[in-house]
Every structure is written in structure tokens, then in C-alpha cells.
Amino acid sequence: MNKRDPVLRSLLSLLLGCLITLPAFAGRVVISDLDDTLKISHVLSKWESIRNGLSGTTAFAGMSELLRSLERPYEFPDFIYLSNAPAFLMWEQHKLFLAQNRFPDGSLRLRDSVFNSSFKLQALREILIPVPDGDEVLLIGDNGEGDPVVYAQIAREFPRLRFITLIHQIYMTRE
């Protein structure tokens, strides 16, 4: 293992933070991004993103196990996988990715239109409106396409909920 590899270092930091934080998680909702959070996609490179989107099924090591560790007998949280990927291109690929890599069962929400730049924010609002006051919500994302900004906005809009936010630091030049 190369100690200078920033992707590996960020993954290890995320997993260590999760091991410290998540055992106390008692929330009802786990919302996770897919590309560059659970799945190696390289979304900031158009060519890599296309190549990985169409053929890539490689999950970041430990992410499936991490999410499965949140399942508890008789008290399963809702898992929601939320992606800016267009549904008409990625629905089947993302469903297959989640199944092949043994991520917990959950709902998948993808963008209906490539022109809807506020999809993730709108979808989070719809998801969180019915969540009871005081519940914990785990938000998992990455720093490639604005997840930290969107998640911070959601936390401001829903002060009645308690948020735990985990950001996978994939890119050195993003949020």
C-alpha cells in the first residue's frame, strides 16, 4: 500500500470515521450517492465516467460491508440510493451494481432529465418531509459533484432532523 495514494488514504479515513461514528447510529434513513461514493466512476472525467458508467461495477472496498453493518434485525433503516446519473442511461446498470456488490436493499432514485441540475436537492426534500422529527438521517456522498454543499443546504432546511454526514474525499480540488 502506497501511503501517498490520496484515494486510498481518503477511503481509509472515511472507513475509520465510520467505525467510530456509526455504531451509535440509530436512524431510520440512510441516503447514499452512488458514483464516486460507492462505485468507482471518475465522474469528473467525461471519458472515464462514460467508460465506467457503461461497464464499471467496481465498488470501493468496504462500502458494501459498511452499509450492511447498519442493518439490524427487526429494525432496518430505509436505504435510499440517490444519483445525478440520468435514469434512461443508468437505471439498469446501477441496480445491477447494487445487487452484484451486495449493498442493502433499498430504493434507487435517478435524475429524470439531464437538464435538471437541482435534482438531488429536490429529491432529498421529498425523501425527508415525511421523516419524523428528531430522527437521525445518515447522508453519504463524495466531494466530486457538490454533495457537501447539497447536504449542508438540506441540514439547514431540516433542523428538526439530526444529520450524520460522511463525505468520501475522492478529489483534491473539489469541496
Foldseek 3Di string as FASTA:
>chain_A
DDPPPVQVVLVVVLVVVLVVPVVPAQFQAEEEEPDPFFFPQPVVDVVSNVVCQVDNLDTDPPPQVSQVVQQDPPRGHAYEYEYADACVRRVVVVVVSCVVVNHDDHYYDYDPDNPPLCVVLVVVVVVPPPGDFAGEYEYTEEFPNCPVVSVVVVCVVCVRYHYDYGYRYRDPPGD
